[in-house]
Amino acid sequence: MDWKDPMAKKILIIDDDLTICALLEDTLAAAGYETDVTHDAVKGIEAALGESQPDLILLDMQMPGGGATVFIQLGQDKRTKDIPVFFTTALPESEVLGQIPNNPQCKGYFPKPFNFSAMLPAIEKAVSK
């Protein structure tokens, strides 16, 4: 992926739901972020490992190929282990909490439908470090 704006923070969205991806792309672009989207786990890992890496990853917890599997692979590679990751999920909180890795790379999760007034400040904080 060649990012267009060298000054903008880059966010990789890994989600199999095209509607969710479009919503995230539009919202993040309006907030000044540049985005790249992949719709499957393998392409998501490839995009994260690319020459021009993202500053943050939004990762669907329940996508085919497994969001947790993608997270583990990202954490095992020295090129991606420090990129902050937020999971996105439609699961109820009671099910999510047991699945969120206790790992500093994981910054938390955003429930679907998204609350952008909470999501955008959390993303800004994570990419500002």
N, C-alpha and C. Protein backbone atom coordinates (compact mmCIF):
# COMPACT_ATOMS: atom_id res chain seq x y z
N MET A 1 0.85 -1.19 0.00
CA MET A 1 0.00 0.00 0.00
C MET A 1 0.88 1.23 0.00
N ASP A 2 0.64 2.12 -0.92
CA ASP A 2 1.30 3.42 -0.92
C ASP A 2 0.33 4.44 -0.37
N TRP A 3 0.67 4.99 0.76
CA TRP A 3 -0.19 5.99 1.40
C TRP A 3 -0.06 7.30 0.64
N LYS A 4 -1.14 8.05 0.55
CA LYS A 4 -1.16 9.28 -0.23
C LYS A 4 -0.56 10.47 0.50
N ASP A 5 -0.90 10.63 1.76
CA ASP A 5 -0.47 11.79 2.54
C ASP A 5 0.58 11.36 3.56
N PRO A 6 1.84 11.75 3.36
CA PRO A 6 2.89 11.30 4.29
C PRO A 6 2.72 11.83 5.71
N MET A 7 1.93 12.88 5.90
CA MET A 7 1.76 13.46 7.23
C MET A 7 0.57 12.87 7.99
N ALA A 8 -0.40 12.30 7.27
CA ALA A 8 -1.60 11.77 7.92
C ALA A 8 -1.28 10.45 8.62
N LYS A 9 -1.94 10.22 9.74
CA LYS A 9 -1.82 8.93 10.43
C LYS A 9 -2.58 7.88 9.61
N LYS A 10 -1.99 6.70 9.52
CA LYS A 10 -2.52 5.64 8.68
C LYS A 10 -3.20 4.57 9.51
N ILE A 11 -4.42 4.20 9.10
CA ILE A 11 -5.18 3.18 9.81
C ILE A 11 -5.55 2.06 8.84
N LEU A 12 -5.19 0.84 9.21
CA LEU A 12 -5.54 -0.34 8.43
C LEU A 12 -6.80 -0.94 9.04
N ILE A 13 -7.81 -1.11 8.20
CA ILE A 13 -9.08 -1.72 8.61
C ILE A 13 -9.11 -3.13 8.05
N ILE A 14 -9.25 -4.12 8.92
CA ILE A 14 -9.34 -5.51 8.51
C ILE A 14 -10.70 -6.03 8.95
N ASP A 15 -11.62 -6.11 7.99
CA ASP A 15 -13.00 -6.49 8.30
C ASP A 15 -13.64 -7.05 7.04
N ASP A 16 -14.42 -8.11 7.17
CA ASP A 16 -15.05 -8.73 6.01
C ASP A 16 -16.38 -8.09 5.64
N ASP A 17 -16.88 -7.18 6.46
CA ASP A 17 -18.16 -6.52 6.20
C ASP A 17 -17.92 -5.22 5.42
N LEU A 18 -18.34 -5.21 4.16
CA LEU A 18 -18.09 -4.06 3.29
C LEU A 18 -18.77 -2.79 3.79
N THR A 19 -19.96 -2.91 4.37
CA THR A 19 -20.67 -1.75 4.88
C THR A 19 -19.93 -1.13 6.06
N ILE A 20 -19.46 -1.98 6.97
CA ILE A 20 -18.69 -1.50 8.12
C ILE A 20 -17.42 -0.80 7.64
N CYS A 21 -16.75 -1.40 6.67
CA CYS A 21 -15.51 -0.81 6.15
C CYS A 21 -15.77 0.57 5.55
N ALA A 22 -16.83 0.69 4.76
CA ALA A 22 -17.16 1.99 4.15
C ALA A 22 -17.46 3.03 5.22
N LEU A 23 -18.21 2.64 6.24
CA LEU A 23 -18.53 3.56 7.33
C LEU A 23 -17.26 4.01 8.05
N LEU A 24 -16.38 3.07 8.36
CA LEU A 24 -15.13 3.42 9.03
C LEU A 24 -14.25 4.30 8.14
N GLU A 25 -14.14 3.95 6.87
CA GLU A 25 -13.33 4.75 5.94
C GLU A 25 -13.82 6.19 5.90
N ASP A 26 -15.11 6.38 5.72
CA ASP A 26 -15.68 7.73 5.62
C ASP A 26 -15.47 8.53 6.90
N THR A 27 -15.73 7.90 8.03
CA THR A 27 -15.60 8.59 9.32
C THR A 27 -14.15 8.94 9.62
N LEU A 28 -13.26 8.00 9.38
CA LEU A 28 -11.84 8.24 9.66
C LEU A 28 -11.24 9.27 8.70
N ALA A 29 -11.65 9.24 7.44
CA ALA A 29 -11.17 10.24 6.48
C ALA A 29 -11.64 11.63 6.88
N ALA A 30 -12.88 11.74 7.32
CA ALA A 30 -13.40 13.04 7.76
C ALA A 30 -12.65 13.56 8.99
N ALA A 31 -12.08 12.64 9.77
CA ALA A 31 -11.31 13.02 10.96
C ALA A 31 -9.83 13.25 10.63
N GLY A 32 -9.46 13.11 9.36
CA GLY A 32 -8.09 13.41 8.94
C GLY A 32 -7.15 12.23 8.84
N TYR A 33 -7.68 11.03 8.96
CA TYR A 33 -6.85 9.83 8.86
C TYR A 33 -6.87 9.30 7.43
N GLU A 34 -5.82 8.59 7.08
CA GLU A 34 -5.77 7.89 5.81
C GLU A 34 -6.03 6.42 6.12
N THR A 35 -6.80 5.74 5.28
CA THR A 35 -7.16 4.36 5.55
C THR A 35 -6.79 3.43 4.40
N ASP A 36 -6.59 2.18 4.76
CA ASP A 36 -6.47 1.09 3.82
C ASP A 36 -7.39 0.00 4.36
N VAL A 37 -8.02 -0.75 3.47
CA VAL A 37 -8.99 -1.76 3.88
C VAL A 37 -8.65 -3.09 3.24
N THR A 38 -8.73 -4.14 4.03
CA THR A 38 -8.67 -5.49 3.51
C THR A 38 -9.85 -6.26 4.08
N HIS A 39 -10.33 -7.24 3.31
CA HIS A 39 -11.54 -7.95 3.70
C HIS A 39 -11.28 -9.40 4.11
N ASP A 40 -10.03 -9.78 4.23
CA ASP A 40 -9.75 -11.12 4.75
C ASP A 40 -8.46 -11.10 5.56
N ALA A 41 -8.30 -12.13 6.36
CA ALA A 41 -7.20 -12.19 7.32
C ALA A 41 -5.83 -12.19 6.66
N VAL A 42 -5.66 -13.00 5.63
CA VAL A 42 -4.35 -13.11 4.99
C VAL A 42 -3.92 -11.79 4.37
N LYS A 43 -4.83 -11.15 3.65
CA LYS A 43 -4.50 -9.86 3.04
C LYS A 43 -4.27 -8.79 4.11
N GLY A 44 -4.95 -8.90 5.23
CA GLY A 44 -4.73 -7.96 6.32
C GLY A 44 -3.32 -8.06 6.88
N ILE A 45 -2.87 -9.28 7.07
CA ILE A 45 -1.50 -9.49 7.55
C ILE A 45 -0.49 -8.98 6.53
N GLU A 46 -0.73 -9.29 5.26
CA GLU A 46 0.16 -8.80 4.20
C GLU A 46 0.23 -7.28 4.18
N ALA A 47 -0.93 -6.63 4.32
CA ALA A 47 -0.96 -5.16 4.31
C ALA A 47 -0.20 -4.59 5.51
N ALA A 48 -0.37 -5.21 6.67
CA ALA A 48 0.32 -4.73 7.87
C ALA A 48 1.83 -4.90 7.76
N LEU A 49 2.26 -5.95 7.07
CA LEU A 49 3.68 -6.24 6.91
C LEU A 49 4.31 -5.50 5.74
N GLY A 50 3.51 -4.77 4.99
CA GLY A 50 4.01 -4.09 3.80
C GLY A 50 5.07 -3.06 4.11
N GLU A 51 5.63 -2.55 3.04
CA GLU A 51 6.72 -1.57 3.15
C GLU A 51 6.28 -0.31 3.89
N SER A 52 5.05 0.10 3.67
CA SER A 52 4.53 1.31 4.30
C SER A 52 3.48 0.89 5.33
N GLN A 53 3.89 0.78 6.57
CA GLN A 53 3.04 0.21 7.61
C GLN A 53 2.05 1.22 8.19
N PRO A 54 0.93 0.69 8.71
CA PRO A 54 -0.06 1.57 9.34
C PRO A 54 0.40 2.01 10.72
N ASP A 55 -0.23 3.08 11.21
CA ASP A 55 0.02 3.56 12.57
C ASP A 55 -0.90 2.88 13.57
N LEU A 56 -2.00 2.28 13.07
CA LEU A 56 -2.98 1.63 13.93
C LEU A 56 -3.77 0.65 13.07
N ILE A 57 -4.27 -0.41 13.70
CA ILE A 57 -5.08 -1.41 13.00
C ILE A 57 -6.41 -1.57 13.72
N LEU A 58 -7.51 -1.54 12.94
CA LEU A 58 -8.84 -1.89 13.42
C LEU A 58 -9.13 -3.29 12.88
N LEU A 59 -9.33 -4.25 13.77
CA LEU A 59 -9.40 -5.66 13.40
C LEU A 59 -10.71 -6.27 13.87
N ASP A 60 -11.48 -6.80 12.92
CA ASP A 60 -12.74 -7.47 13.25
C ASP A 60 -12.44 -8.76 14.01
N MET A 61 -13.04 -8.89 15.17
CA MET A 61 -12.79 -10.04 16.03
C MET A 61 -13.34 -11.33 15.44
N GLN A 62 -14.43 -11.26 14.68
CA GLN A 62 -15.11 -12.47 14.22
C GLN A 62 -14.99 -12.73 12.73
N MET A 63 -14.04 -12.14 12.07
CA MET A 63 -13.94 -12.33 10.62
C MET A 63 -13.45 -13.73 10.27
N PRO A 64 -13.77 -14.19 9.05
CA PRO A 64 -13.22 -15.48 8.62
C PRO A 64 -11.69 -15.43 8.65
N GLY A 65 -11.10 -16.49 9.13
CA GLY A 65 -9.65 -16.50 9.31
C GLY A 65 -9.27 -16.13 10.73
N GLY A 66 -10.21 -15.55 11.45
CA GLY A 66 -10.02 -15.28 12.87
C GLY A 66 -9.25 -14.03 13.22
N GLY A 67 -9.94 -13.06 13.81
CA GLY A 67 -9.28 -11.84 14.26
C GLY A 67 -8.19 -12.13 15.28
N ALA A 68 -8.46 -13.08 16.17
CA ALA A 68 -7.45 -13.43 17.19
C ALA A 68 -6.22 -14.03 16.54
N THR A 69 -6.40 -14.83 15.49
CA THR A 69 -5.28 -15.42 14.78
C THR A 69 -4.42 -14.34 14.13
N VAL A 70 -5.09 -13.38 13.50
CA VAL A 70 -4.38 -12.25 12.89
C VAL A 70 -3.59 -11.50 13.95
N PHE A 71 -4.24 -11.23 15.08
CA PHE A 71 -3.59 -10.49 16.17
C PHE A 71 -2.33 -11.22 16.65
N ILE A 72 -2.43 -12.53 16.81
CA ILE A 72 -1.28 -13.30 17.28
C ILE A 72 -0.14 -13.21 16.27
N GLN A 73 -0.47 -13.34 14.99
CA GLN A 73 0.58 -13.28 13.96
C GLN A 73 1.22 -11.90 13.91
N LEU A 74 0.43 -10.85 14.06
CA LEU A 74 0.99 -9.50 14.09
C LEU A 74 1.92 -9.31 15.28
N GLY A 75 1.53 -9.87 16.41
CA GLY A 75 2.34 -9.74 17.62
C GLY A 75 3.63 -10.53 17.59
N GLN A 76 3.70 -11.52 16.73
CA GLN A 76 4.90 -12.35 16.65
C GLN A 76 5.93 -11.80 15.66
N ASP A 77 5.57 -10.81 14.90
CA ASP A 77 6.49 -10.27 13.90
C ASP A 77 7.07 -8.95 14.40
N LYS A 78 8.39 -8.83 14.38
CA LYS A 78 9.04 -7.62 14.91
C LYS A 78 8.61 -6.36 14.16
N ARG A 79 8.16 -6.50 12.91
CA ARG A 79 7.74 -5.33 12.13
C ARG A 79 6.37 -4.81 12.55
N THR A 80 5.56 -5.65 13.16
CA THR A 80 4.19 -5.25 13.47
C THR A 80 3.82 -5.35 14.95
N LYS A 81 4.71 -5.86 15.76
CA LYS A 81 4.36 -6.12 17.16
C LYS A 81 4.08 -4.86 17.98
N ASP A 82 4.52 -3.71 17.50
CA ASP A 82 4.28 -2.47 18.24
C ASP A 82 3.18 -1.60 17.65
N ILE A 83 2.53 -2.08 16.59
CA ILE A 83 1.41 -1.32 16.01
C ILE A 83 0.19 -1.53 16.90
N PRO A 84 -0.41 -0.45 17.42
CA PRO A 84 -1.59 -0.62 18.27
C PRO A 84 -2.77 -1.21 17.47
N VAL A 85 -3.51 -2.08 18.15
CA VAL A 85 -4.66 -2.75 17.54
C VAL A 85 -5.89 -2.54 18.42
N PHE A 86 -6.98 -2.17 17.79
CA PHE A 86 -8.30 -2.19 18.43
C PHE A 86 -9.12 -3.25 17.72
N PHE A 87 -9.78 -4.09 18.48
CA PHE A 87 -10.72 -5.03 17.88
C PHE A 87 -12.05 -4.32 17.66
N THR A 88 -12.79 -4.77 16.66
CA THR A 88 -14.17 -4.33 16.47
C THR A 88 -15.02 -5.59 16.54
N THR A 89 -16.22 -5.47 17.10
CA THR A 89 -17.04 -6.66 17.29
C THR A 89 -18.51 -6.32 17.51
N ALA A 90 -19.36 -7.25 17.10
CA ALA A 90 -20.79 -7.15 17.38
C ALA A 90 -21.17 -8.02 18.58
N LEU A 91 -20.21 -8.70 19.16
CA LEU A 91 -20.47 -9.55 20.32
C LEU A 91 -20.85 -8.70 21.53
N PRO A 92 -21.68 -9.25 22.41
CA PRO A 92 -21.98 -8.54 23.66
C PRO A 92 -20.73 -8.46 24.54
N GLU A 93 -20.67 -7.44 25.37
CA GLU A 93 -19.50 -7.21 26.22
C GLU A 93 -19.14 -8.43 27.05
N SER A 94 -20.14 -9.15 27.54
CA SER A 94 -19.87 -10.33 28.38
C SER A 94 -19.06 -11.39 27.64
N GLU A 95 -19.22 -11.48 26.33
CA GLU A 95 -18.46 -12.45 25.54
C GLU A 95 -17.11 -11.89 25.10
N VAL A 96 -17.04 -10.59 24.92
CA VAL A 96 -15.83 -9.96 24.41
C VAL A 96 -14.71 -9.98 25.44
N LEU A 97 -15.02 -9.67 26.67
CA LEU A 97 -13.99 -9.48 27.68
C LEU A 97 -13.10 -10.69 27.86
N GLY A 98 -13.63 -11.88 27.70
CA GLY A 98 -12.82 -13.08 27.82
C GLY A 98 -11.96 -13.35 26.59
N GLN A 99 -12.24 -12.66 25.50
CA GLN A 99 -11.51 -12.90 24.26
C GLN A 99 -10.46 -11.84 23.95
N ILE A 100 -10.51 -10.71 24.64
CA ILE A 100 -9.55 -9.64 24.39
C ILE A 100 -8.21 -10.05 24.99
N PRO A 101 -7.16 -10.06 24.20
CA PRO A 101 -5.85 -10.46 24.72
C PRO A 101 -5.33 -9.48 25.76
N ASN A 102 -4.70 -10.02 26.79
CA ASN A 102 -4.02 -9.19 27.77
C ASN A 102 -2.61 -8.94 27.24
N ASN A 103 -2.51 -7.92 26.42
CA ASN A 103 -1.29 -7.65 25.67
C ASN A 103 -1.24 -6.15 25.41
N PRO A 104 -0.11 -5.51 25.63
CA PRO A 104 -0.06 -4.05 25.45
C PRO A 104 -0.33 -3.60 24.01
N GLN A 105 -0.16 -4.48 23.03
CA GLN A 105 -0.46 -4.11 21.65
C GLN A 105 -1.96 -3.91 21.46
N CYS A 106 -2.78 -4.65 22.21
CA CYS A 106 -4.24 -4.53 22.12
C CYS A 106 -4.69 -3.36 22.98
N LYS A 107 -5.26 -2.36 22.34
CA LYS A 107 -5.69 -1.15 23.04
C LYS A 107 -7.14 -1.22 23.49
N GLY A 108 -7.83 -2.31 23.15
CA GLY A 108 -9.22 -2.45 23.55
C GLY A 108 -10.08 -2.86 22.38
N TYR A 109 -11.37 -2.54 22.49
CA TYR A 109 -12.29 -2.91 21.41
C TYR A 109 -13.37 -1.86 21.27
N PHE A 110 -13.97 -1.84 20.08
CA PHE A 110 -15.09 -0.96 19.80
C PHE A 110 -16.28 -1.82 19.43
N PRO A 111 -17.38 -1.70 20.19
CA PRO A 111 -18.57 -2.49 19.86
C PRO A 111 -19.29 -1.91 18.64
N LYS A 112 -19.89 -2.83 17.86
CA LYS A 112 -20.74 -2.44 16.74
C LYS A 112 -22.17 -2.45 17.25
N PRO A 113 -22.98 -1.46 16.93
CA PRO A 113 -22.68 -0.27 16.14
C PRO A 113 -21.73 0.66 16.89
N PHE A 114 -20.94 1.40 16.12
CA PHE A 114 -19.89 2.22 16.70
C PHE A 114 -20.41 3.50 17.33
N ASN A 115 -19.76 3.87 18.40
CA ASN A 115 -19.98 5.17 19.04
C ASN A 115 -18.74 6.00 18.68
N PHE A 116 -18.85 6.78 17.61
CA PHE A 116 -17.68 7.50 17.11
C PHE A 116 -17.20 8.59 18.06
N SER A 117 -18.08 9.09 18.93
CA SER A 117 -17.63 10.10 19.89
C SER A 117 -16.68 9.49 20.93
N ALA A 118 -16.73 8.19 21.12
CA ALA A 118 -15.77 7.49 21.99
C ALA A 118 -14.62 6.91 21.18
N MET A 119 -14.91 6.45 19.98
CA MET A 119 -13.90 5.79 19.16
C MET A 119 -12.81 6.74 18.70
N LEU A 120 -13.17 7.89 18.18
CA LEU A 120 -12.18 8.80 17.61
C LEU A 120 -11.16 9.30 18.63
N PRO A 121 -11.57 9.69 19.85
CA PRO A 121 -10.56 10.09 20.84
C PRO A 121 -9.63 8.93 21.25
N ALA A 122 -10.16 7.72 21.31
CA ALA A 122 -9.32 6.56 21.67
C ALA A 122 -8.30 6.28 20.57
N ILE A 123 -8.71 6.42 19.32
CA ILE A 123 -7.78 6.24 18.20
C ILE A 123 -6.73 7.32 18.22
N GLU A 124 -7.14 8.55 18.43
CA GLU A 124 -6.18 9.67 18.47
C GLU A 124 -5.14 9.46 19.57
N LYS A 125 -5.60 9.02 20.72
CA LYS A 125 -4.67 8.77 21.83
C LYS A 125 -3.67 7.67 21.47
N ALA A 126 -4.15 6.62 20.83
CA ALA A 126 -3.27 5.49 20.49
C ALA A 126 -2.25 5.86 19.41
N VAL A 127 -2.62 6.68 18.45
CA VAL A 127 -1.67 7.02 17.37
C VAL A 127 -0.76 8.18 17.75
N SER A 128 -1.06 8.84 18.84
CA SER A 128 -0.24 9.98 19.27
C SER A 128 0.93 9.57 20.14
N LYS A 129 0.99 8.32 20.54
CA LYS A 129 2.06 7.86 21.43
C LYS A 129 3.32 7.56 20.66
